[in-house]
Amino acid sequence: MGMFWDLVQQSQIEDQRVKAESVEERVAHLEEELSKTQQLLIKTLHALEKAIDKDIDGDGVKG
């Protein structure tokens, strides 16, 4: 039962942490993560195009 209670408490602590952050901070964090994800996607697409020697995204360039 103690282990279950620890999980519940940890979940409540995390919920409070998330609520404590301001909306602006959360939005800034999400925007930063989106930018990183987009950059990684572009790098991955270029590597894939280079590997299979095809223009996947239709930009007229392979890789």
PDB file of N, CA and C in Angstrom:
ATOM      1  N   MET A   1       0.825  -1.189   0.000  1.00  0.00           N
ATOM      2  CA  MET A   1       0.000   0.000   0.000  1.00  0.00           C
ATOM      3  C   MET A   1       0.872   1.257   0.000  1.00  0.00           C
ATOM      4  N   GLY A   2       2.023   1.181   0.691  1.00  0.00           N
ATOM      5  CA  GLY A   2       2.917   2.332   0.761  1.00  0.00           C
ATOM      6  C   GLY A   2       3.430   2.745  -0.607  1.00  0.00           C
ATOM      7  N   MET A   3       3.734   1.759  -1.459  1.00  0.00           N
ATOM      8  CA  MET A   3       4.241   2.061  -2.793  1.00  0.00           C
ATOM      9  C   MET A   3       3.164   2.778  -3.615  1.00  0.00           C
ATOM     10  N   PHE A   4       1.920   2.302  -3.490  1.00  0.00           N
ATOM     11  CA  PHE A   4       0.815   2.942  -4.200  1.00  0.00           C
ATOM     12  C   PHE A   4       0.651   4.382  -3.735  1.00  0.00           C
ATOM     13  N   TRP A   5       0.716   4.606  -2.426  1.00  0.00           N
ATOM     14  CA  TRP A   5       0.570   5.953  -1.869  1.00  0.00           C
ATOM     15  C   TRP A   5       1.677   6.869  -2.370  1.00  0.00           C
ATOM     16  N   ASP A   6       2.913   6.339  -2.462  1.00  0.00           N
ATOM     17  CA  ASP A   6       4.036   7.124  -2.986  1.00  0.00           C
ATOM     18  C   ASP A   6       3.760   7.555  -4.423  1.00  0.00           C
ATOM     19  N   LEU A   7       3.204   6.657  -5.232  1.00  0.00           N
ATOM     20  CA  LEU A   7       2.872   6.991  -6.626  1.00  0.00           C
ATOM     21  C   LEU A   7       1.805   8.081  -6.693  1.00  0.00           C
ATOM     22  N   VAL A   8       0.809   7.971  -5.830  1.00  0.00           N
ATOM     23  CA  VAL A   8      -0.258   8.968  -5.788  1.00  0.00           C
ATOM     24  C   VAL A   8       0.320  10.328  -5.399  1.00  0.00           C
ATOM     25  N   GLN A   9       1.164  10.337  -4.384  1.00  0.00           N
ATOM     26  CA  GLN A   9       1.763  11.593  -3.936  1.00  0.00           C
ATOM     27  C   GLN A   9       2.648  12.199  -5.032  1.00  0.00           C
ATOM     28  N   GLN A  10       3.425  11.358  -5.696  1.00  0.00           N
ATOM     29  CA  GLN A  10       4.295  11.855  -6.771  1.00  0.00           C
ATOM     30  C   GLN A  10       3.451  12.456  -7.888  1.00  0.00           C
ATOM     31  N   SER A  11       2.362  11.814  -8.204  1.00  0.00           N
ATOM     32  CA  SER A  11       1.462  12.332  -9.240  1.00  0.00           C
ATOM     33  C   SER A  11       0.876  13.679  -8.823  1.00  0.00           C
ATOM     34  N   GLN A  12       0.486  13.798  -7.578  1.00  0.00           N
ATOM     35  CA  GLN A  12      -0.062  15.059  -7.081  1.00  0.00           C
ATOM     36  C   GLN A  12       0.987  16.159  -7.084  1.00  0.00           C
ATOM     37  N   ILE A  13       2.213  15.813  -6.728  1.00  0.00           N
ATOM     38  CA  ILE A  13       3.307  16.797  -6.747  1.00  0.00           C
ATOM     39  C   ILE A  13       3.534  17.281  -8.172  1.00  0.00           C
ATOM     40  N   GLU A  14       3.552  16.360  -9.111  1.00  0.00           N
ATOM     41  CA  GLU A  14       3.759  16.727 -10.519  1.00  0.00           C
ATOM     42  C   GLU A  14       2.607  17.602 -11.024  1.00  0.00           C
ATOM     43  N   ASP A  15       1.384  17.259 -10.651  1.00  0.00           N
ATOM     44  CA  ASP A  15       0.224  18.065 -11.053  1.00  0.00           C
ATOM     45  C   ASP A  15       0.353  19.492 -10.529  1.00  0.00           C
ATOM     46  N   GLN A  16       0.767  19.632  -9.289  1.00  0.00           N
ATOM     47  CA  GLN A  16       0.924  20.961  -8.709  1.00  0.00           C
ATOM     48  C   GLN A  16       2.042  21.746  -9.380  1.00  0.00           C
ATOM     49  N   ARG A  17       3.127  21.046  -9.737  1.00  0.00           N
ATOM     50  CA  ARG A  17       4.241  21.706 -10.425  1.00  0.00           C
ATOM     51  C   ARG A  17       3.771  22.268 -11.762  1.00  0.00           C
ATOM     52  N   VAL A  18       3.022  21.465 -12.489  1.00  0.00           N
ATOM     53  CA  VAL A  18       2.520  21.899 -13.795  1.00  0.00           C
ATOM     54  C   VAL A  18       1.584  23.092 -13.635  1.00  0.00           C
ATOM     55  N   LYS A  19       0.723  23.037 -12.635  1.00  0.00           N
ATOM     56  CA  LYS A  19      -0.209  24.137 -12.412  1.00  0.00           C
ATOM     57  C   LYS A  19       0.517  25.401 -11.973  1.00  0.00           C
ATOM     58  N   ALA A  20       1.623  25.239 -11.260  1.00  0.00           N
ATOM     59  CA  ALA A  20       2.364  26.386 -10.744  1.00  0.00           C
ATOM     60  C   ALA A  20       3.073  27.163 -11.843  1.00  0.00           C
ATOM     61  N   GLU A  21       3.440  26.482 -12.910  1.00  0.00           N
ATOM     62  CA  GLU A  21       4.105  27.184 -14.014  1.00  0.00           C
ATOM     63  C   GLU A  21       3.096  28.129 -14.671  1.00  0.00           C
ATOM     64  N   SER A  22       3.577  29.250 -15.082  1.00  0.00           N
ATOM     65  CA  SER A  22       2.671  30.184 -15.741  1.00  0.00           C
ATOM     66  C   SER A  22       2.369  29.702 -17.156  1.00  0.00           C
ATOM     67  N   VAL A  23       1.288  30.152 -17.682  1.00  0.00           N
ATOM     68  CA  VAL A  23       0.888  29.788 -19.036  1.00  0.00           C
ATOM     69  C   VAL A  23       1.956  30.241 -20.036  1.00  0.00           C
ATOM     70  N   GLU A  24       2.512  31.407 -19.812  1.00  0.00           N
ATOM     71  CA  GLU A  24       3.532  31.922 -20.726  1.00  0.00           C
ATOM     72  C   GLU A  24       4.752  31.020 -20.759  1.00  0.00           C
ATOM     73  N   GLU A  25       5.174  30.544 -19.596  1.00  0.00           N
ATOM     74  CA  GLU A  25       6.330  29.642 -19.534  1.00  0.00           C
ATOM     75  C   GLU A  25       6.038  28.337 -20.256  1.00  0.00           C
ATOM     76  N   ARG A  26       4.843  27.817 -20.049  1.00  0.00           N
ATOM     77  CA  ARG A  26       4.473  26.562 -20.696  1.00  0.00           C
ATOM     78  C   ARG A  26       4.405  26.734 -22.203  1.00  0.00           C
ATOM     79  N   VAL A  27       3.840  27.848 -22.671  1.00  0.00           N
ATOM     80  CA  VAL A  27       3.755  28.101 -24.111  1.00  0.00           C
ATOM     81  C   VAL A  27       5.159  28.268 -24.695  1.00  0.00           C
ATOM     82  N   ALA A  28       6.025  28.996 -24.013  1.00  0.00           N
ATOM     83  CA  ALA A  28       7.398  29.179 -24.490  1.00  0.00           C
ATOM     84  C   ALA A  28       8.110  27.833 -24.591  1.00  0.00           C
ATOM     85  N   HIS A  29       7.908  26.991 -23.600  1.00  0.00           N
ATOM     86  CA  HIS A  29       8.525  25.664 -23.621  1.00  0.00           C
ATOM     87  C   HIS A  29       7.991  24.846 -24.801  1.00  0.00           C
ATOM     88  N   LEU A  30       6.700  24.873 -25.007  1.00  0.00           N
ATOM     89  CA  LEU A  30       6.100  24.129 -26.117  1.00  0.00           C
ATOM     90  C   LEU A  30       6.589  24.647 -27.469  1.00  0.00           C
ATOM     91  N   GLU A  31       6.713  25.967 -27.590  1.00  0.00           N
ATOM     92  CA  GLU A  31       7.212  26.536 -28.841  1.00  0.00           C
ATOM     93  C   GLU A  31       8.652  26.107 -29.101  1.00  0.00           C
ATOM     94  N   GLU A  32       9.461  26.075 -28.044  1.00  0.00           N
ATOM     95  CA  GLU A  32      10.850  25.638 -28.174  1.00  0.00           C
ATOM     96  C   GLU A  32      10.919  24.171 -28.590  1.00  0.00           C
ATOM     97  N   GLU A  33      10.100  23.343 -27.961  1.00  0.00           N
ATOM     98  CA  GLU A  33      10.083  21.924 -28.306  1.00  0.00           C
ATOM     99  C   GLU A  33       9.590  21.715 -29.736  1.00  0.00           C
ATOM    100  N   LEU A  34       8.609  22.483 -30.163  1.00  0.00           N
ATOM    101  CA  LEU A  34       8.110  22.382 -31.533  1.00  0.00           C
ATOM    102  C   LEU A  34       9.202  22.745 -32.522  1.00  0.00           C
ATOM    103  N   SER A  35       9.937  23.797 -32.242  1.00  0.00           N
ATOM    104  CA  SER A  35      11.024  24.213 -33.120  1.00  0.00           C
ATOM    105  C   SER A  35      12.087  23.123 -33.224  1.00  0.00           C
ATOM    106  N   LYS A  36      12.458  22.533 -32.096  1.00  0.00           N
ATOM    107  CA  LYS A  36      13.446  21.453 -32.101  1.00  0.00           C
ATOM    108  C   LYS A  36      12.932  20.255 -32.897  1.00  0.00           C
ATOM    109  N   THR A  37      11.669  19.930 -32.722  1.00  0.00           N
ATOM    110  CA  THR A  37      11.073  18.806 -33.432  1.00  0.00           C
ATOM    111  C   THR A  37      11.064  19.062 -34.936  1.00  0.00           C
ATOM    112  N   GLN A  38      10.714  20.280 -35.340  1.00  0.00           N
ATOM    113  CA  GLN A  38      10.705  20.623 -36.756  1.00  0.00           C
ATOM    114  C   GLN A  38      12.105  20.546 -37.356  1.00  0.00           C
ATOM    115  N   GLN A  39      13.106  21.032 -36.620  1.00  0.00           N
ATOM    116  CA  GLN A  39      14.486  20.975 -37.104  1.00  0.00           C
ATOM    117  C   GLN A  39      14.942  19.528 -37.263  1.00  0.00           C
ATOM    118  N   LEU A  40      14.594  18.690 -36.299  1.00  0.00           N
ATOM    119  CA  LEU A  40      14.952  17.283 -36.379  1.00  0.00           C
ATOM    120  C   LEU A  40      14.249  16.609 -37.551  1.00  0.00           C
ATOM    121  N   LEU A  41      12.993  16.948 -37.775  1.00  0.00           N
ATOM    122  CA  LEU A  41      12.238  16.384 -38.892  1.00  0.00           C
ATOM    123  C   LEU A  41      12.871  16.755 -40.227  1.00  0.00           C
ATOM    124  N   ILE A  42      13.290  17.993 -40.367  1.00  0.00           N
ATOM    125  CA  ILE A  42      13.932  18.440 -41.603  1.00  0.00           C
ATOM    126  C   ILE A  42      15.250  17.695 -41.825  1.00  0.00           C
ATOM    127  N   LYS A  43      16.061  17.563 -40.771  1.00  0.00           N
ATOM    128  CA  LYS A  43      17.324  16.831 -40.889  1.00  0.00           C
ATOM    129  C   LYS A  43      17.075  15.372 -41.262  1.00  0.00           C
ATOM    130  N   THR A  44      16.063  14.786 -40.642  1.00  0.00           N
ATOM    131  CA  THR A  44      15.724  13.395 -40.925  1.00  0.00           C
ATOM    132  C   THR A  44      15.257  13.235 -42.371  1.00  0.00           C
ATOM    133  N   LEU A  45      14.437  14.163 -42.835  1.00  0.00           N
ATOM    134  CA  LEU A  45      13.947  14.120 -44.209  1.00  0.00           C
ATOM    135  C   LEU A  45      15.109  14.229 -45.196  1.00  0.00           C
ATOM    136  N   HIS A  46      16.033  15.138 -44.950  1.00  0.00           N
ATOM    137  CA  HIS A  46      17.182  15.297 -45.835  1.00  0.00           C
ATOM    138  C   HIS A  46      18.040  14.038 -45.853  1.00  0.00           C
ATOM    139  N   ALA A  47      18.246  13.441 -44.690  1.00  0.00           N
ATOM    140  CA  ALA A  47      19.037  12.208 -44.621  1.00  0.00           C
ATOM    141  C   ALA A  47      18.330  11.079 -45.358  1.00  0.00           C
ATOM    142  N   LEU A  48      17.024  10.992 -45.220  1.00  0.00           N
ATOM    143  CA  LEU A  48      16.253   9.957 -45.907  1.00  0.00           C
ATOM    144  C   LEU A  48      16.305  10.161 -47.413  1.00  0.00           C
ATOM    145  N   GLU A  49      16.118  11.402 -47.849  1.00  0.00           N
ATOM    146  CA  GLU A  49      16.181  11.690 -49.284  1.00  0.00           C
ATOM    147  C   GLU A  49      17.547  11.305 -49.847  1.00  0.00           C
ATOM    148  N   LYS A  50      18.589  11.619 -49.104  1.00  0.00           N
ATOM    149  CA  LYS A  50      19.938  11.293 -49.544  1.00  0.00           C
ATOM    150  C   LYS A  50      20.126   9.777 -49.604  1.00  0.00           C
ATOM    151  N   ALA A  51      19.621   9.076 -48.608  1.00  0.00           N
ATOM    152  CA  ALA A  51      19.796   7.625 -48.514  1.00  0.00           C
ATOM    153  C   ALA A  51      19.069   6.881 -49.629  1.00  0.00           C
ATOM    154  N   ILE A  52      17.862   7.338 -49.977  1.00  0.00           N
ATOM    155  CA  ILE A  52      17.097   6.622 -51.003  1.00  0.00           C
ATOM    156  C   ILE A  52      17.166   7.305 -52.366  1.00  0.00           C
ATOM    157  N   ASP A  53      17.875   8.439 -52.421  1.00  0.00           N
ATOM    158  CA  ASP A  53      18.074   9.185 -53.664  1.00  0.00           C
ATOM    159  C   ASP A  53      16.747   9.559 -54.337  1.00  0.00           C
ATOM    160  N   LYS A  54      15.814  10.080 -53.525  1.00  0.00           N
ATOM    161  CA  LYS A  54      14.523  10.539 -54.033  1.00  0.00           C
ATOM    162  C   LYS A  54      14.166  11.866 -53.383  1.00  0.00           C
ATOM    163  N   ASP A  55      13.396  12.676 -54.125  1.00  0.00           N
ATOM    164  CA  ASP A  55      12.884  13.947 -53.598  1.00  0.00           C
ATOM    165  C   ASP A  55      11.533  13.676 -52.956  1.00  0.00           C
ATOM    166  N   ILE A  56      11.514  13.539 -51.644  1.00  0.00           N
ATOM    167  CA  ILE A  56      10.274  13.185 -50.923  1.00  0.00           C
ATOM    168  C   ILE A  56       9.403  14.407 -50.702  1.00  0.00           C
ATOM    169  N   ASP A  57       9.983  15.546 -50.353  1.00  0.00           N
ATOM    170  CA  ASP A  57       9.182  16.710 -49.979  1.00  0.00           C
ATOM    171  C   ASP A  57       8.804  17.606 -51.160  1.00  0.00           C
ATOM    172  N   GLY A  58       9.208  17.242 -52.365  1.00  0.00           N
ATOM    173  CA  GLY A  58       8.801  17.994 -53.549  1.00  0.00           C
ATOM    174  C   GLY A  58       9.478  19.330 -53.722  1.00  0.00           C
ATOM    175  N   ASP A  59      10.643  19.522 -53.111  1.00  0.00           N
ATOM    176  CA  ASP A  59      11.345  20.796 -53.255  1.00  0.00           C
ATOM    177  C   ASP A  59      12.327  20.809 -54.435  1.00  0.00           C
ATOM    178  N   GLY A  60      12.360  19.699 -55.172  1.00  0.00           N
ATOM    179  CA  GLY A  60      13.229  19.623 -56.335  1.00  0.00           C
ATOM    180  C   GLY A  60      14.665  19.267 -56.012  1.00  0.00           C
ATOM    181  N   VAL A  61      14.955  18.987 -54.755  1.00  0.00           N
ATOM    182  CA  VAL A  61      16.309  18.662 -54.312  1.00  0.00           C
ATOM    183  C   VAL A  61      16.279  17.328 -53.563  1.00  0.00           C
ATOM    184  N   LYS A  62      17.248  16.483 -53.877  1.00  0.00           N
ATOM    185  CA  LYS A  62      17.377  15.201 -53.155  1.00  0.00           C
ATOM    186  C   LYS A  62      18.414  15.390 -52.061  1.00  0.00           C
ATOM    187  N   GLY A  63      17.970  15.376 -50.849  1.00  0.00           N
ATOM    188  CA  GLY A  63      18.910  15.499 -49.742  1.00  0.00           C
ATOM    189  C   GLY A  63      19.034  16.887 -49.201  1.00  0.00           C
TER     190      GLY A  63
END
